[in-house]
C-alpha atoms as a PDB file:
ATOM      1  CA  MET A   1       0.000   0.000   0.000  1.00  0.00           C
ATOM      2  CA  GLY A   2       1.179   3.516  -0.730  1.00  0.00           C
ATOM      3  CA  PHE A   3      -0.341   5.994   1.748  1.00  0.00           C
ATOM      4  CA  SER A   4      -2.600   4.829   4.570  1.00  0.00           C
ATOM      5  CA  PHE A   5      -4.641   7.419   6.470  1.00  0.00           C
ATOM      6  CA  GLY A   6      -6.636   6.674   9.596  1.00  0.00           C
ATOM      7  CA  HIS A   7      -6.787   7.195  13.353  1.00  0.00           C
ATOM      8  CA  ARG A   8      -7.299  10.954  13.057  1.00  0.00           C
ATOM      9  CA  ASP A   9      -4.955  11.536  10.112  1.00  0.00           C
ATOM     10  CA  THR A  10      -6.831  14.728   9.239  1.00  0.00           C
ATOM     11  CA  ASP A  11      -6.282  17.979   7.370  1.00  0.00           C
ATOM     12  CA  ASN A  12      -3.434  16.711   5.189  1.00  0.00           C
ATOM     13  CA  LEU A  13      -2.441  18.037   1.770  1.00  0.00           C
ATOM     14  CA  VAL A  14      -0.712  15.546  -0.536  1.00  0.00           C
ATOM     15  CA  ARG A  15       0.463  17.369  -3.667  1.00  0.00           C
ATOM     16  CA  ASN A  16       2.695  16.694  -6.677  1.00  0.00           C
ATOM     17  CA  CYS A  17       3.656  13.139  -5.803  1.00  0.00           C
ATOM     18  CA  ARG A  18       3.880   9.809  -7.604  1.00  0.00           C
ATOM     19  CA  ILE A  19       2.126   6.874  -6.014  1.00  0.00           C
ATOM     20  CA  GLU A  20       2.720   3.787  -8.098  1.00  0.00           C
ATOM     21  CA  ARG A  21       3.144   0.026  -8.259  1.00  0.00           C
ATOM     22  CA  ASN A  22       1.926  -0.760  -4.750  1.00  0.00           C
ATOM     23  CA  GLY A  23       0.500  -4.231  -4.096  1.00  0.00           C
ATOM     24  CA  THR A  24      -2.860  -2.870  -2.944  1.00  0.00           C
ATOM     25  CA  ASN A  25      -4.256   0.675  -2.844  1.00  0.00           C
ATOM     26  CA  GLY A  26      -2.222   3.680  -3.827  1.00  0.00           C
ATOM     27  CA  ILE A  27      -4.029   5.726  -1.164  1.00  0.00           C
ATOM     28  CA  PHE A  28      -6.151   4.112   1.525  1.00  0.00           C
ATOM     29  CA  LEU A  29      -8.400   6.106   3.847  1.00  0.00           C
ATOM     30  CA  ARG A  30      -9.139   3.277   6.223  1.00  0.00           C
ATOM     31  CA  GLU A  31     -11.974   2.290   8.499  1.00  0.00           C
ATOM     32  CA  GLU A  32     -11.432   2.961  12.196  1.00  0.00           C
ATOM     33  CA  ASP A  33     -13.228   1.716  15.315  1.00  0.00           C
ATOM     34  CA  THR A  34     -14.983   5.020  15.958  1.00  0.00           C
ATOM     35  CA  VAL A  35     -16.221   7.938  13.857  1.00  0.00           C
ATOM     36  CA  ARG A  36     -14.016  10.202  15.972  1.00  0.00           C
ATOM     37  CA  ASP A  37     -10.939   8.482  14.511  1.00  0.00           C
ATOM     38  CA  SER A  38     -11.860   8.713  10.811  1.00  0.00           C
ATOM     39  CA  PRO A  39      -9.369  10.394   8.434  1.00  0.00           C
ATOM     40  CA  ASP A  40     -11.286  13.571   7.518  1.00  0.00           C
ATOM     41  CA  ARG A  41     -10.500  16.671   5.436  1.00  0.00           C
ATOM     42  CA  ASN A  42      -7.648  15.272   3.351  1.00  0.00           C
ATOM     43  CA  THR A  43      -6.771  16.725  -0.057  1.00  0.00           C
ATOM     44  CA  PHE A  44      -4.910  15.040  -2.915  1.00  0.00           C
ATOM     45  CA  GLU A  45      -3.773  17.366  -5.723  1.00  0.00           C
ATOM     46  CA  LYS A  46      -1.702  16.966  -8.866  1.00  0.00           C
ATOM     47  CA  CYS A  47      -0.626  13.420  -8.012  1.00  0.00           C
ATOM     48  CA  LEU A  48       0.173  10.619 -10.439  1.00  0.00           C
ATOM     49  CA  ILE A  49      -1.522   7.458  -9.163  1.00  0.00           C
ATOM     50  CA  ARG A  50      -0.433   4.554 -11.364  1.00  0.00           C
ATOM     51  CA  ASP A  51      -0.571   0.740 -11.482  1.00  0.00           C
ATOM     52  CA  ASN A  52      -1.573   0.086  -7.863  1.00  0.00           C
ATOM     53  CA  GLY A  53      -3.266  -3.118  -6.674  1.00  0.00           C
ATOM     54  CA  GLY A  54      -6.027  -4.699  -8.692  1.00  0.00           C
ATOM     55  CA  ASP A  55      -9.679  -3.870  -8.204  1.00  0.00           C
ATOM     56  CA  GLU A  56      -8.994  -2.205  -4.839  1.00  0.00           C
ATOM     57  CA  GLY A  57      -8.670   1.229  -6.400  1.00  0.00           C
ATOM     58  CA  GLY A  58      -6.014   3.849  -6.823  1.00  0.00           C
ATOM     59  CA  ILE A  59      -7.732   5.660  -3.952  1.00  0.00           C
ATOM     60  CA  ASN A  60      -9.964   3.678  -1.583  1.00  0.00           C
ATOM     61  CA  ILE A  61     -12.171   5.693   0.794  1.00  0.00           C
ATOM     62  CA  MET A  62     -13.668   3.600   3.599  1.00  0.00           C
ATOM     63  CA  PHE A  63     -16.102   4.011   6.476  1.00  0.00           C
ATOM     64  CA  VAL A  64     -17.457   7.480   7.322  1.00  0.00           C
ATOM     65  CA  THR A  65     -14.488   9.488   6.070  1.00  0.00           C
ATOM     66  CA  ASN A  66     -15.606  13.067   5.307  1.00  0.00           C
ATOM     67  CA  ASP A  67     -14.494  15.947   3.118  1.00  0.00           C
ATOM     68  CA  THR A  68     -11.975  14.209   0.883  1.00  0.00           C
ATOM     69  CA  ILE A  69     -10.827  16.243  -2.131  1.00  0.00           C
ATOM     70  CA  ILE A  70      -9.238  14.622  -5.192  1.00  0.00           C
ATOM     71  CA  ARG A  71      -8.240  17.320  -7.679  1.00  0.00           C
ATOM     72  CA  ASP A  72      -6.063  17.559 -10.803  1.00  0.00           C
ATOM     73  CA  CYS A  73      -4.689  14.020 -10.357  1.00  0.00           C
ATOM     74  CA  THR A  74      -3.825  11.513 -13.075  1.00  0.00           C
ATOM     75  CA  PHE A  75      -4.979   7.922 -12.616  1.00  0.00           C
ATOM     76  CA  GLU A  76      -3.214   5.526 -14.931  1.00  0.00           C
ATOM     77  CA  SER A  77      -3.324   1.776 -15.482  1.00  0.00           C
ATOM     78  CA  THR A  78      -0.641   0.505 -17.857  1.00  0.00           C
ATOM     79  CA  GLN A  79      -0.778  -3.174 -16.866  1.00  0.00           C
ATOM     80  CA  GLU A  80      -3.694  -5.573 -17.071  1.00  0.00           C
ATOM     81  CA  GLY A  81      -5.160  -6.250 -13.643  1.00  0.00           C
ATOM     82  CA  LYS A  82      -3.620  -3.171 -12.056  1.00  0.00           C
ATOM     83  CA  GLN A  83      -5.660  -0.274 -10.652  1.00  0.00           C
ATOM     84  CA  GLU A  84      -8.818  -1.238 -12.500  1.00  0.00           C
ATOM     85  CA  VAL A  85     -10.826   1.351 -10.533  1.00  0.00           C
ATOM     86  CA  ALA A  86      -9.433   4.847 -10.070  1.00  0.00           C
ATOM     87  CA  VAL A  87     -11.479   5.821  -6.981  1.00  0.00           C
ATOM     88  CA  LYS A  88     -13.496   3.497  -4.720  1.00  0.00           C
ATOM     89  CA  ILE A  89     -15.898   4.918  -2.143  1.00  0.00           C
ATOM     90  CA  SER A  90     -17.543   2.677   0.450  1.00  0.00           C
ATOM     91  CA  TYR A  91     -21.124   2.810   1.633  1.00  0.00           C
ATOM     92  CA  GLY A  92     -21.405   5.309   4.474  1.00  0.00           C
ATOM     93  CA  ALA A  93     -18.539   7.551   3.362  1.00  0.00           C
ATOM     94  CA  GLY A  94     -19.170  11.271   3.588  1.00  0.00           C
ATOM     95  CA  LYS A  95     -18.550  14.067   1.109  1.00  0.00           C
ATOM     96  CA  VAL A  96     -15.971  13.411  -1.596  1.00  0.00           C
ATOM     97  CA  THR A  97     -15.084  16.093  -4.151  1.00  0.00           C
ATOM     98  CA  ILE A  98     -13.589  14.792  -7.400  1.00  0.00           C
ATOM     99  CA  GLU A  99     -12.493  17.544  -9.811  1.00  0.00           C
ATOM    100  CA  ASN A 100     -10.550  17.844 -13.056  1.00  0.00           C
ATOM    101  CA  ASN A 101      -8.794  14.461 -12.937  1.00  0.00           C
ATOM    102  CA  LYS A 102      -7.387  12.532 -15.882  1.00  0.00           C
ATOM    103  CA  TYR A 103      -7.997   8.800 -16.380  1.00  0.00           C
ATOM    104  CA  ILE A 104      -5.827   6.598 -18.598  1.00  0.00           C
ATOM    105  CA  GLY A 105      -6.499   2.874 -19.014  1.00  0.00           C
ATOM    106  CA  ASN A 106      -8.656   2.372 -15.908  1.00  0.00           C
ATOM    107  CA  SER A 107     -11.655   0.052 -16.385  1.00  0.00           C
ATOM    108  CA  ALA A 108     -13.720   2.404 -14.209  1.00  0.00           C
ATOM    109  CA  ARG A 109     -13.172   5.938 -13.005  1.00  0.00           C
ATOM    110  CA  LEU A 110     -15.391   5.586  -9.956  1.00  0.00           C
ATOM    111  CA  TRP A 111     -16.973   2.811  -7.914  1.00  0.00           C
ATOM    112  CA  ASP A 112     -19.307   4.476  -5.433  1.00  0.00           C
ATOM    113  CA  ALA A 113     -21.189   2.186  -3.018  1.00  0.00           C
ATOM    114  CA  ARG A 114     -23.000   5.189  -1.521  1.00  0.00           C
ATOM    115  CA  THR A 115     -25.395   5.102  -4.468  1.00  0.00           C
ATOM    116  CA  ALA A 116     -26.796   1.702  -3.445  1.00  0.00           C
ATOM    117  CA  PRO A 117     -27.335   0.153   0.000  1.00  0.00           C
ATOM    118  CA  PRO A 118     -25.106  -2.805   0.931  1.00  0.00           C
ATOM    119  CA  LYS A 119     -26.417  -6.315   0.277  1.00  0.00           C
END
């Protein structure tokens, strides 16, 4: 995994970085035991997120994480089976702003479980 945010990793700005070829997620905003510990108000700008994991997503937003911003990033999949989904959002996640990103070779730009209740 590239970056892992959780347990009150809040108010971070990740800008102009390359996150690539990790075995799972490029960026993981993980589920915590309590809402109080969720990784809120994190911004990712102008990052290259390439060839991470499989269907786990370049960025995976779990639990009740709020106010995530993903802006001006490039999501790229150059190898079959790598980073098939650019951004994955779990059911129950809060506000996510996705603006002006570029997608190259990803099977899906967004997988958003908030649009349908869990089975």
